[in-house]
Amino acid sequence: MLLEFEKNLADFVKANGLIGSAAKVLLAVSGGADSTALLYGMHALRAGKLFNAELLCAHFNHQLRAAEADRDEEFVIAQAAALKLPVATRRLDVRGFARRERLSIETAARQLRMKTLIDIAKANNCRRIATAHQKNDNAETIIQRLSRGTGFRGLGGIWPQKVFADEITFVRPLLCVRRDEILKYLDERNLEWCRDDTNADCTYRRNYIRHRLLPELQRYCADSIVEQLSQLARSAREYYSTVCSRADKVWPCLADSDEQVIVLDLKPFLTESQPVKVELIRRSLTGIGCGERYLKQGHYEGILQLAEQNVTGRKIELPGGFIVRREYGNLFFSNSRVGLAPPISSRPVKDQAVTVEIPGQTKFGKFLIQAIVLVKNEVDFEKFKAAKTDSIEWFDLEKIKPPLIVRRRRPGDRFIPLGQSEEKKLGRFLAAQRVPHGIRRDVLVVTDTEKIIWVWPVRISELARITGETRKILQLQMTGFNA
């Protein structure tokens, strides 16, 4: 029979779909009170057949507390053995990593834990990693974010589940309970746990919030400050989910990407509400690898001002070498090492834009473009249709504004596909047509002075197609070329 703590845990796990169809769940167990409660609580749920997933344990020795760290490792191994659960242990060189990467001990330990947990999960085919974050941890996280500035997403605190690398999901089954409820559960089950004296050191920011700031705030609250912050987090997550639904809907219509550059079309972007704009900016930044940890409210405000001010060429530099630049009707997000559409003269010769000889032959990298001018009433349409491939196309020569240029695709490229009446972003068009990623990277663009006329080998433009009124036809053939 389940105890009240275990019932609350079971209800929370089920309501939030934390286990789902996962065959294995990796439990992060430090040996402290919270993770010991996680270990025994999840074991009780599996024994009660509330889920069928196999449980495994992971423990990290940070090598920061000498004999105490070794004691914790031995304790976790013993607890896992008592429950007949496999356990993987790792020793982490936190001090060395912090020194090399110029990080605080806290940040270094967190990064190493995350990476190692994911590595262990992959090695054991685990799709879920359960950590022991609980309501008090969530309250501390919200206070910490408020102190440096945050939005609705930050106010959501620690989410019940979050997908990380390679579709591995971190789940937090204990977010439904407070620390005092955990201690009560351990006492009811007569369970021991390891105490970490560094948790009382208030020189660490989180410990100061835990032992000094939250108790002081509690003095001025009639109800539990931890419960109030937990409710705030739930409300913020619900609101943020609504914002995300809108962002999911508009993202395909206004975002385009090319390798390590993301482009937002400002015309539809500026019609969205402020929270949706911020979410679209956040997605663009994370899409180019810009971490959110060192971004502040001022960074987002600066990007929003850049979007609203109609001044081409302005840019904002962000922590980590990332850049946001406004170019005409677009916002470009990139890493400064990648740059934004570098000048043609600085690109490799094979990628330089080349003028197409009409009539004649033109070399472009490994390709050869052959151009022939035909008179419509002198060609056999049926013969052309029989011989046509993706590498041969006909265009109405009188609808083309020479010179023709052949080049690689660029962020922000647009054209009107054959058979359609509205201009499309090239990147979104290729995605909608389900063009394989390998082909997307290698597509070539043929343009005149005003428009794209051919996205090879996918589609020509409606604006250059031949009709019954066509008198002269431009035939372009794109073939491989071995120099």
Protein backbone atom coordinates (compact mmCIF):
# COMPACT_ATOMS: atom_id res chain seq x y z
CA MET A 1 0.00 0.00 0.00
CA LEU A 2 1.36 3.39 -1.04
CA LEU A 3 2.04 6.12 1.49
CA GLU A 4 0.52 9.59 0.98
CA PHE A 5 3.82 10.90 -0.39
CA GLU A 6 3.97 8.07 -2.93
CA LYS A 7 0.35 8.65 -3.96
CA ASN A 8 1.08 12.34 -4.60
CA LEU A 9 4.11 11.29 -6.59
CA ALA A 10 2.07 8.79 -8.62
CA ASP A 11 -0.63 11.37 -9.40
CA PHE A 12 1.96 13.93 -10.53
CA VAL A 13 3.84 11.44 -12.71
CA LYS A 14 0.61 10.35 -14.39
CA ALA A 15 -0.87 13.86 -14.81
CA ASN A 16 2.29 15.14 -16.50
CA GLY A 17 3.08 12.04 -18.54
CA LEU A 18 6.57 11.85 -17.07
CA ILE A 19 7.22 8.19 -17.88
CA GLY A 20 5.04 7.67 -20.93
CA SER A 21 6.14 4.68 -23.00
CA ALA A 22 9.78 4.85 -21.86
CA ALA A 23 11.30 1.43 -21.30
CA LYS A 24 14.01 2.70 -18.95
CA VAL A 25 14.35 5.62 -16.53
CA LEU A 26 17.71 6.81 -15.22
CA LEU A 27 17.52 8.18 -11.65
CA ALA A 28 20.09 10.83 -10.66
CA VAL A 29 20.92 9.96 -7.05
CA SER A 30 23.35 12.04 -4.99
CA GLY A 31 22.54 10.38 -1.69
CA GLY A 32 20.96 13.48 -0.19
CA ALA A 33 17.44 13.61 1.25
CA ASP A 34 15.71 14.61 -2.00
CA SER A 35 17.35 12.06 -4.27
CA THR A 36 16.95 9.29 -1.69
CA ALA A 37 13.21 10.07 -1.59
CA LEU A 38 13.20 10.00 -5.41
CA LEU A 39 14.93 6.62 -5.45
CA TYR A 40 12.59 4.94 -2.96
CA GLY A 41 9.46 6.73 -4.18
CA MET A 42 9.98 5.72 -7.82
CA HIS A 43 10.87 2.17 -6.76
CA ALA A 44 7.61 1.99 -4.78
CA LEU A 45 5.61 3.16 -7.82
CA ARG A 46 7.21 0.55 -10.05
CA ALA A 47 6.68 -2.16 -7.43
CA GLY A 48 3.04 -1.08 -7.29
CA LYS A 49 2.89 -1.49 -11.09
CA LEU A 50 2.04 2.17 -11.67
CA PHE A 51 4.56 2.03 -14.53
CA ASN A 52 6.63 -0.72 -16.12
CA ALA A 53 9.82 1.14 -16.99
CA GLU A 54 13.07 -0.35 -15.75
CA LEU A 55 14.92 1.82 -13.20
CA LEU A 56 18.65 2.53 -13.22
CA CYS A 57 20.74 4.79 -10.93
CA ALA A 58 23.52 7.25 -11.67
CA HIS A 59 25.80 8.85 -9.07
CA PHE A 60 28.58 11.41 -9.48
CA ASN A 61 31.54 11.92 -7.18
CA HIS A 62 32.51 15.57 -7.73
CA GLN A 63 35.77 15.03 -5.81
CA LEU A 64 35.19 18.27 -3.91
CA ARG A 65 34.62 16.92 -0.38
CA ALA A 66 37.30 14.22 -0.07
CA ALA A 67 36.15 11.43 2.31
CA GLU A 68 32.57 12.73 2.46
CA ALA A 69 32.22 12.39 -1.32
CA ASP A 70 33.51 8.81 -1.16
CA ARG A 71 31.03 8.10 1.67
CA ASP A 72 28.14 9.38 -0.49
CA GLU A 73 29.23 7.18 -3.40
CA GLU A 74 29.37 4.07 -1.19
CA PHE A 75 25.96 4.96 0.29
CA VAL A 76 24.26 5.20 -3.13
CA ILE A 77 25.82 1.95 -4.31
CA ALA A 78 24.53 0.23 -1.16
CA GLN A 79 21.00 1.66 -1.53
CA ALA A 80 20.79 0.61 -5.18
CA ALA A 81 22.00 -2.89 -4.25
CA ALA A 82 19.35 -3.13 -1.52
CA LEU A 83 16.68 -2.33 -4.12
CA LYS A 84 18.35 -4.62 -6.70
CA LEU A 85 18.85 -1.74 -9.14
CA PRO A 86 21.89 -1.28 -11.39
CA VAL A 87 24.00 1.80 -10.68
CA ALA A 88 26.55 3.72 -12.74
CA THR A 89 29.06 5.90 -10.89
CA ARG A 90 31.41 8.51 -12.34
CA ARG A 91 34.16 10.66 -10.85
CA LEU A 92 34.09 14.22 -12.18
CA ASP A 93 37.06 16.59 -12.19
CA VAL A 94 34.96 19.65 -11.37
CA ARG A 95 37.86 21.87 -10.24
CA GLY A 96 39.92 21.13 -13.33
CA PHE A 97 36.95 21.72 -15.65
CA ALA A 98 36.06 24.98 -13.88
CA ARG A 99 39.64 26.20 -14.21
CA ARG A 100 39.95 25.30 -17.89
CA GLU A 101 36.58 26.79 -18.86
CA ARG A 102 36.78 29.73 -16.43
CA LEU A 103 33.53 28.77 -14.70
CA SER A 104 32.33 28.86 -11.12
CA ILE A 105 32.43 25.55 -9.25
CA GLU A 106 28.61 25.47 -9.24
CA THR A 107 28.33 26.03 -13.00
CA ALA A 108 31.11 23.58 -13.81
CA ALA A 109 29.53 20.87 -11.65
CA ARG A 110 26.12 21.41 -13.25
CA GLN A 111 27.47 21.26 -16.79
CA LEU A 112 29.50 18.11 -16.13
CA ARG A 113 26.52 16.42 -14.45
CA MET A 114 24.21 17.20 -17.36
CA LYS A 115 26.66 15.96 -19.97
CA THR A 116 27.52 12.80 -18.04
CA LEU A 117 23.88 12.00 -17.28
CA ILE A 118 23.07 12.20 -20.99
CA ASP A 119 26.08 10.01 -21.84
CA ILE A 120 25.00 7.35 -19.32
CA ALA A 121 21.40 7.52 -20.56
CA LYS A 122 22.52 7.00 -24.17
CA ALA A 123 24.78 4.10 -23.22
CA ASN A 124 21.85 2.38 -21.46
CA ASN A 125 19.10 3.29 -23.97
CA CYS A 126 17.25 5.44 -21.43
CA ARG A 127 14.84 8.00 -22.87
CA ARG A 128 14.05 9.54 -19.45
CA ILE A 129 16.34 10.98 -16.78
CA ALA A 130 14.65 11.73 -13.43
CA THR A 131 16.17 14.35 -11.13
CA ALA A 132 15.15 15.20 -7.56
CA HIS A 133 14.12 18.85 -7.97
CA GLN A 134 11.23 19.70 -5.64
CA LYS A 135 9.03 22.70 -4.78
CA ASN A 136 11.64 24.47 -2.64
CA ASP A 137 14.19 24.17 -5.45
CA ASN A 138 11.60 25.66 -7.79
CA ALA A 139 10.98 28.60 -5.43
CA GLU A 140 14.74 29.25 -5.18
CA THR A 141 15.06 29.16 -8.97
CA ILE A 142 12.28 31.72 -9.43
CA ILE A 143 13.81 34.08 -6.85
CA GLN A 144 17.21 33.72 -8.51
CA ARG A 145 15.75 34.56 -11.93
CA LEU A 146 13.78 37.50 -10.55
CA SER A 147 16.98 38.93 -9.07
CA ARG A 148 18.62 39.15 -12.50
CA GLY A 149 15.48 39.90 -14.55
CA THR A 150 13.21 37.42 -16.28
CA GLY A 151 10.01 37.02 -18.28
CA PHE A 152 7.06 34.61 -18.19
CA ARG A 153 9.22 31.74 -19.38
CA GLY A 154 11.65 32.31 -16.51
CA LEU A 155 8.82 32.66 -14.02
CA GLY A 156 7.76 29.15 -15.03
CA GLY A 157 10.65 27.95 -12.89
CA ILE A 158 11.65 24.30 -13.22
CA TRP A 159 9.38 22.51 -15.68
CA PRO A 160 8.07 18.99 -14.93
CA GLN A 161 9.81 17.77 -18.08
CA LYS A 162 12.20 19.17 -20.65
CA VAL A 163 13.61 17.59 -23.80
CA PHE A 164 17.38 17.82 -24.18
CA ALA A 165 19.88 16.36 -26.66
CA ASP A 166 18.86 13.44 -28.87
CA GLU A 167 15.26 13.46 -27.61
CA ILE A 168 16.29 12.49 -24.07
CA THR A 169 13.81 13.99 -21.61
CA PHE A 170 14.63 15.19 -18.11
CA VAL A 171 11.69 14.67 -15.73
CA ARG A 172 11.17 16.04 -12.20
CA PRO A 173 8.73 13.77 -10.33
CA LEU A 174 9.23 15.56 -6.97
CA LEU A 175 8.03 18.99 -8.12
CA CYS A 176 4.73 18.21 -6.41
CA VAL A 177 6.23 18.09 -2.90
CA ARG A 178 8.05 20.44 -0.49
CA ARG A 179 11.27 19.69 1.36
CA ASP A 180 9.43 19.20 4.68
CA GLU A 181 7.17 16.60 3.03
CA ILE A 182 10.25 14.77 1.77
CA LEU A 183 11.82 14.67 5.24
CA LYS A 184 8.54 13.39 6.68
CA TYR A 185 8.44 10.59 4.07
CA LEU A 186 12.02 9.53 4.84
CA ASP A 187 11.18 9.48 8.53
CA GLU A 188 8.02 7.38 7.93
CA ARG A 189 10.04 4.83 5.99
CA ASN A 190 12.96 4.99 8.46
CA LEU A 191 15.36 5.84 5.64
CA GLU A 192 18.80 7.37 6.06
CA TRP A 193 20.46 9.87 3.75
CA CYS A 194 23.73 11.75 3.45
CA ARG A 195 24.14 15.33 4.58
CA ASP A 196 26.29 17.73 2.59
CA ASP A 197 27.73 20.46 4.82
CA THR A 198 28.42 22.71 1.80
CA ASN A 199 24.67 23.18 1.45
CA ALA A 200 24.84 25.47 4.49
CA ASP A 201 27.54 27.71 2.98
CA CYS A 202 25.74 30.97 2.16
CA THR A 203 28.60 32.25 0.02
CA TYR A 204 26.88 30.20 -2.70
CA ARG A 205 24.04 32.22 -4.22
CA ARG A 206 21.43 29.45 -4.06
CA ASN A 207 22.26 28.64 -0.44
CA TYR A 208 21.86 32.32 0.46
CA ILE A 209 18.41 32.34 -1.15
CA ARG A 210 17.50 29.10 0.64
CA HIS A 211 18.71 29.93 4.15
CA ARG A 212 18.45 33.72 4.30
CA LEU A 213 16.19 35.26 1.66
CA LEU A 214 13.26 32.82 1.51
CA PRO A 215 12.88 32.61 5.33
CA GLU A 216 12.86 36.42 5.46
CA LEU A 217 10.18 36.60 2.75
CA GLN A 218 8.16 33.95 4.61
CA ARG A 219 7.96 36.30 7.63
CA TYR A 220 5.76 38.65 5.58
CA CYS A 221 3.53 35.94 4.03
CA ALA A 222 0.43 34.50 5.67
CA ASP A 223 0.67 31.34 3.55
CA SER A 224 3.62 29.26 2.41
CA ILE A 225 5.90 31.33 0.16
CA VAL A 226 7.05 28.09 -1.48
CA GLU A 227 3.46 27.16 -2.38
CA GLN A 228 2.72 30.67 -3.64
CA LEU A 229 5.76 30.62 -5.91
CA SER A 230 4.80 27.15 -7.08
CA GLN A 231 1.37 28.45 -8.11
CA LEU A 232 2.99 31.43 -9.83
CA ALA A 233 5.18 29.02 -11.79
CA ARG A 234 2.17 26.95 -12.89
CA SER A 235 0.34 30.09 -14.09
CA ALA A 236 3.43 31.36 -15.91
CA ARG A 237 3.90 27.99 -17.64
CA GLU A 238 0.28 27.98 -18.79
CA TYR A 239 0.61 31.50 -20.19
CA TYR A 240 3.92 30.69 -21.84
CA SER A 241 2.40 27.59 -23.44
CA THR A 242 -0.25 29.83 -25.04
CA VAL A 243 2.49 32.13 -26.37
CA CYS A 244 4.36 29.11 -27.74
CA SER A 245 1.26 27.87 -29.55
CA ARG A 246 1.06 31.18 -31.41
CA ALA A 247 4.81 31.18 -32.09
CA ASP A 248 4.59 27.63 -33.45
CA LYS A 249 1.88 28.78 -35.87
CA VAL A 250 3.69 31.84 -37.25
CA TRP A 251 7.28 30.56 -37.19
CA PRO A 252 7.06 28.74 -40.57
CA CYS A 253 5.67 31.90 -42.20
CA LEU A 254 8.35 34.36 -41.06
CA ALA A 255 11.51 32.40 -40.22
CA ASP A 256 14.13 31.11 -42.60
CA SER A 257 17.51 29.54 -41.94
CA ASP A 258 20.65 28.83 -43.92
CA GLU A 259 23.30 26.84 -42.08
CA GLN A 260 24.15 28.98 -39.03
CA VAL A 261 22.06 32.04 -39.90
CA ILE A 262 18.39 32.57 -39.02
CA VAL A 263 16.35 35.31 -40.70
CA LEU A 264 13.06 36.77 -39.46
CA ASP A 265 10.74 38.59 -41.87
CA LEU A 266 9.92 41.82 -40.07
CA LYS A 267 6.63 42.55 -41.83
CA PRO A 268 4.66 39.70 -40.17
CA PHE A 269 6.93 39.75 -37.10
CA LEU A 270 5.95 43.30 -36.15
CA THR A 271 2.21 42.46 -36.21
CA GLU A 272 2.59 39.97 -33.35
CA SER A 273 2.09 40.71 -29.64
CA GLN A 274 5.12 41.56 -27.52
CA PRO A 275 5.33 38.16 -25.76
CA VAL A 276 5.21 36.33 -29.12
CA LYS A 277 7.92 38.61 -30.53
CA VAL A 278 10.15 37.83 -27.55
CA GLU A 279 9.58 34.09 -28.01
CA LEU A 280 10.42 34.32 -31.72
CA ILE A 281 13.62 36.18 -30.86
CA ARG A 282 14.48 33.57 -28.22
CA ARG A 283 14.00 30.75 -30.72
CA SER A 284 16.18 32.52 -33.25
CA LEU A 285 18.96 33.01 -30.71
CA THR A 286 18.89 29.43 -29.46
CA GLY A 287 18.70 28.26 -33.08
CA ILE A 288 22.16 29.71 -33.78
CA GLY A 289 23.57 28.31 -30.53
CA CYS A 290 23.32 31.43 -28.37
CA GLY A 291 22.81 30.30 -24.77
CA GLU A 292 20.15 32.06 -22.72
CA ARG A 293 22.00 32.06 -19.41
CA TYR A 294 23.87 35.32 -20.05
CA LEU A 295 21.10 37.14 -21.89
CA LYS A 296 19.28 39.83 -19.93
CA GLN A 297 16.09 41.75 -20.46
CA GLY A 298 18.09 44.62 -21.96
CA HIS A 299 19.32 42.37 -24.76
CA TYR A 300 15.77 41.48 -25.78
CA GLU A 301 14.67 45.12 -25.53
CA GLY A 302 17.55 46.15 -27.78
CA ILE A 303 16.61 43.55 -30.40
CA LEU A 304 12.96 44.66 -30.30
CA GLN A 305 14.04 48.29 -30.83
CA LEU A 306 16.24 47.20 -33.72
CA ALA A 307 13.23 45.47 -35.30
CA GLU A 308 10.98 48.51 -34.89
CA GLN A 309 13.45 51.14 -36.14
CA ASN A 310 13.56 51.24 -39.92
CA VAL A 311 17.34 51.65 -40.17
CA THR A 312 19.20 49.17 -42.37
CA GLY A 313 22.68 48.03 -41.34
CA ARG A 314 22.40 48.48 -37.58
CA LYS A 315 23.45 45.60 -35.37
CA ILE A 316 23.53 44.43 -31.76
CA GLU A 317 26.39 42.36 -30.36
CA LEU A 318 25.47 39.74 -27.75
CA PRO A 319 27.52 37.70 -25.22
CA GLY A 320 29.39 34.82 -26.82
CA GLY A 321 30.11 36.61 -30.11
CA PHE A 322 26.56 36.50 -31.48
CA ILE A 323 25.14 39.28 -33.66
CA VAL A 324 21.67 40.49 -34.60
CA ARG A 325 21.59 42.77 -37.64
CA ARG A 326 18.77 44.52 -39.48
CA GLU A 327 18.99 44.42 -43.27
CA TYR A 328 16.06 46.02 -45.08
CA GLY A 329 12.95 44.06 -44.06
CA ASN A 330 14.73 41.26 -42.16
CA LEU A 331 16.45 40.54 -38.86
CA PHE A 332 19.57 38.38 -39.28
CA PHE A 333 20.78 36.27 -36.32
CA SER A 334 24.28 34.80 -36.56
CA ASN A 335 27.54 34.05 -34.81
CA SER A 336 30.21 36.65 -35.57
CA ARG A 337 32.52 33.84 -36.66
CA VAL A 338 29.98 32.88 -39.32
CA GLY A 339 29.06 36.41 -40.39
CA LEU A 340 26.13 37.62 -42.45
CA ALA A 341 26.26 37.08 -46.21
CA PRO A 342 29.97 37.88 -46.66
CA PRO A 343 30.98 39.83 -49.77
CA ILE A 344 31.31 37.79 -52.92
CA SER A 345 35.00 38.65 -53.16
CA SER A 346 35.69 36.98 -49.79
CA ARG A 347 34.06 33.66 -50.68
CA PRO A 348 35.81 30.66 -52.23
CA VAL A 349 36.01 30.90 -56.02
CA LYS A 350 33.63 28.00 -56.49
CA ASP A 351 30.93 29.88 -54.54
CA GLN A 352 31.24 33.27 -56.20
CA ALA A 353 28.22 34.51 -58.11
CA VAL A 354 28.79 34.17 -61.86
CA THR A 355 27.16 35.91 -64.85
CA VAL A 356 25.51 33.45 -67.25
CA GLU A 357 26.56 33.80 -70.90
CA ILE A 358 23.53 33.93 -73.23
CA PRO A 359 23.98 32.07 -75.49
CA GLY A 360 27.00 30.14 -74.32
CA GLN A 361 28.48 28.01 -71.54
CA THR A 362 29.24 29.16 -68.01
CA LYS A 363 31.22 27.37 -65.30
CA PHE A 364 30.07 27.62 -61.68
CA GLY A 365 32.06 25.46 -59.27
CA LYS A 366 31.47 21.87 -60.34
CA PHE A 367 28.56 22.84 -62.61
CA LEU A 368 28.27 23.81 -66.27
CA ILE A 369 25.34 26.02 -67.34
CA GLN A 370 24.49 25.86 -71.03
CA ALA A 371 22.23 28.62 -72.42
CA ILE A 372 20.45 28.45 -75.78
CA VAL A 373 17.95 30.90 -77.29
CA LEU A 374 15.10 29.28 -79.24
CA VAL A 375 12.34 30.71 -81.40
CA LYS A 376 9.03 29.31 -80.20
CA ASN A 377 7.48 28.49 -83.59
CA GLU A 378 10.65 26.65 -84.59
CA VAL A 379 10.79 24.15 -81.69
CA ASP A 380 9.04 20.84 -81.13
CA PHE A 381 7.29 20.99 -77.72
CA GLU A 382 6.60 17.27 -77.65
CA LYS A 383 10.26 16.51 -78.25
CA PHE A 384 11.22 18.91 -75.44
CA LYS A 385 8.79 17.28 -73.00
CA ALA A 386 10.17 13.84 -73.82
CA ALA A 387 13.76 15.00 -73.25
CA LYS A 388 13.10 17.24 -70.23
CA THR A 389 14.81 16.52 -66.90
CA ASP A 390 15.30 18.46 -63.67
CA SER A 391 18.47 19.87 -65.25
CA ILE A 392 16.76 21.44 -68.29
CA GLU A 393 14.20 24.25 -68.15
CA TRP A 394 12.58 26.75 -70.57
CA PHE A 395 11.95 30.41 -69.74
CA ASP A 396 10.25 33.28 -71.55
CA LEU A 397 13.26 35.36 -72.61
CA GLU A 398 11.22 38.57 -72.82
CA LYS A 399 10.23 38.25 -69.13
CA ILE A 400 13.86 38.19 -68.06
CA LYS A 401 15.85 41.30 -67.11
CA PRO A 402 19.51 40.46 -67.91
CA PRO A 403 22.15 39.84 -66.87
CA LEU A 404 21.44 36.41 -65.39
CA ILE A 405 23.40 35.41 -62.27
CA VAL A 406 23.93 31.91 -60.86
CA ARG A 407 24.82 31.62 -57.16
CA ARG A 408 24.24 29.70 -53.95
CA ARG A 409 21.07 30.34 -51.95
CA ARG A 410 21.19 33.07 -49.30
CA PRO A 411 19.19 33.85 -46.14
CA GLY A 412 16.11 35.88 -47.03
CA ASP A 413 15.84 34.60 -50.64
CA ARG A 414 12.26 34.71 -51.98
CA PHE A 415 10.55 33.78 -55.21
CA ILE A 416 7.14 32.98 -56.70
CA PRO A 417 7.10 29.22 -57.46
CA LEU A 418 5.61 27.98 -60.73
CA GLY A 419 1.85 27.58 -60.41
CA GLN A 420 1.55 29.94 -57.43
CA SER A 421 0.65 33.61 -57.12
CA GLU A 422 2.32 34.59 -53.84
CA GLU A 423 5.97 35.11 -53.04
CA LYS A 424 7.49 32.42 -50.80
CA LYS A 425 10.57 32.32 -48.63
CA LEU A 426 12.92 29.91 -50.33
CA GLY A 427 13.85 28.08 -47.15
CA ARG A 428 10.23 27.55 -46.15
CA PHE A 429 9.28 26.51 -49.68
CA LEU A 430 12.01 23.84 -49.74
CA ALA A 431 10.86 22.57 -46.35
CA ALA A 432 7.19 22.50 -47.45
CA GLN A 433 8.16 20.54 -50.57
CA ARG A 434 10.02 18.07 -48.31
CA VAL A 435 13.22 18.54 -50.26
CA PRO A 436 15.92 16.41 -48.55
CA HIS A 437 18.43 18.38 -46.46
CA GLY A 438 21.32 17.24 -48.67
CA ILE A 439 19.67 18.73 -51.74
CA ARG A 440 18.65 21.91 -49.86
CA ARG A 441 22.30 22.62 -49.10
CA ASP A 442 23.30 22.21 -52.76
CA VAL A 443 20.50 24.06 -54.56
CA LEU A 444 21.58 26.77 -56.97
CA VAL A 445 19.72 30.01 -57.63
CA VAL A 446 19.50 31.70 -61.03
CA THR A 447 18.39 35.34 -60.87
CA ASP A 448 17.96 38.28 -63.20
CA THR A 449 18.30 41.87 -61.96
CA GLU A 450 14.86 41.74 -60.28
CA LYS A 451 13.96 38.22 -59.27
CA ILE A 452 14.84 34.56 -58.89
CA ILE A 453 13.82 32.67 -62.04
CA TRP A 454 15.07 29.16 -61.19
CA VAL A 455 15.76 27.27 -57.99
CA TRP A 456 17.71 24.33 -59.36
CA PRO A 457 16.82 21.45 -59.31
CA VAL A 458 13.46 22.12 -57.64
CA ARG A 459 11.27 24.71 -59.38
CA ILE A 460 11.25 27.66 -61.81
CA SER A 461 9.47 30.94 -61.14
CA GLU A 462 5.93 31.68 -62.21
CA LEU A 463 7.21 35.08 -63.40
CA ALA A 464 9.45 33.55 -66.08
CA ARG A 465 7.35 30.68 -67.41
CA ILE A 466 6.52 30.32 -71.09
CA THR A 467 2.92 30.95 -72.23
CA GLY A 468 0.95 31.09 -75.45
CA GLU A 469 2.27 34.63 -75.91
CA THR A 470 5.93 33.62 -75.66
CA ARG A 471 8.01 34.37 -78.74
CA LYS A 472 11.58 33.59 -77.64
CA ILE A 473 12.60 30.81 -75.26
CA LEU A 474 15.69 30.67 -73.11
CA GLN A 475 16.76 27.07 -72.51
CA LEU A 476 19.06 26.53 -69.52
CA GLN A 477 20.73 23.21 -68.83
CA MET A 478 22.61 22.54 -65.57
CA THR A 479 25.05 19.64 -65.65
CA GLY A 480 28.00 18.40 -63.61
CA PHE A 481 31.39 19.66 -64.72
CA ASN A 482 34.80 18.16 -64.14
CA ALA A 483 37.50 20.83 -64.47
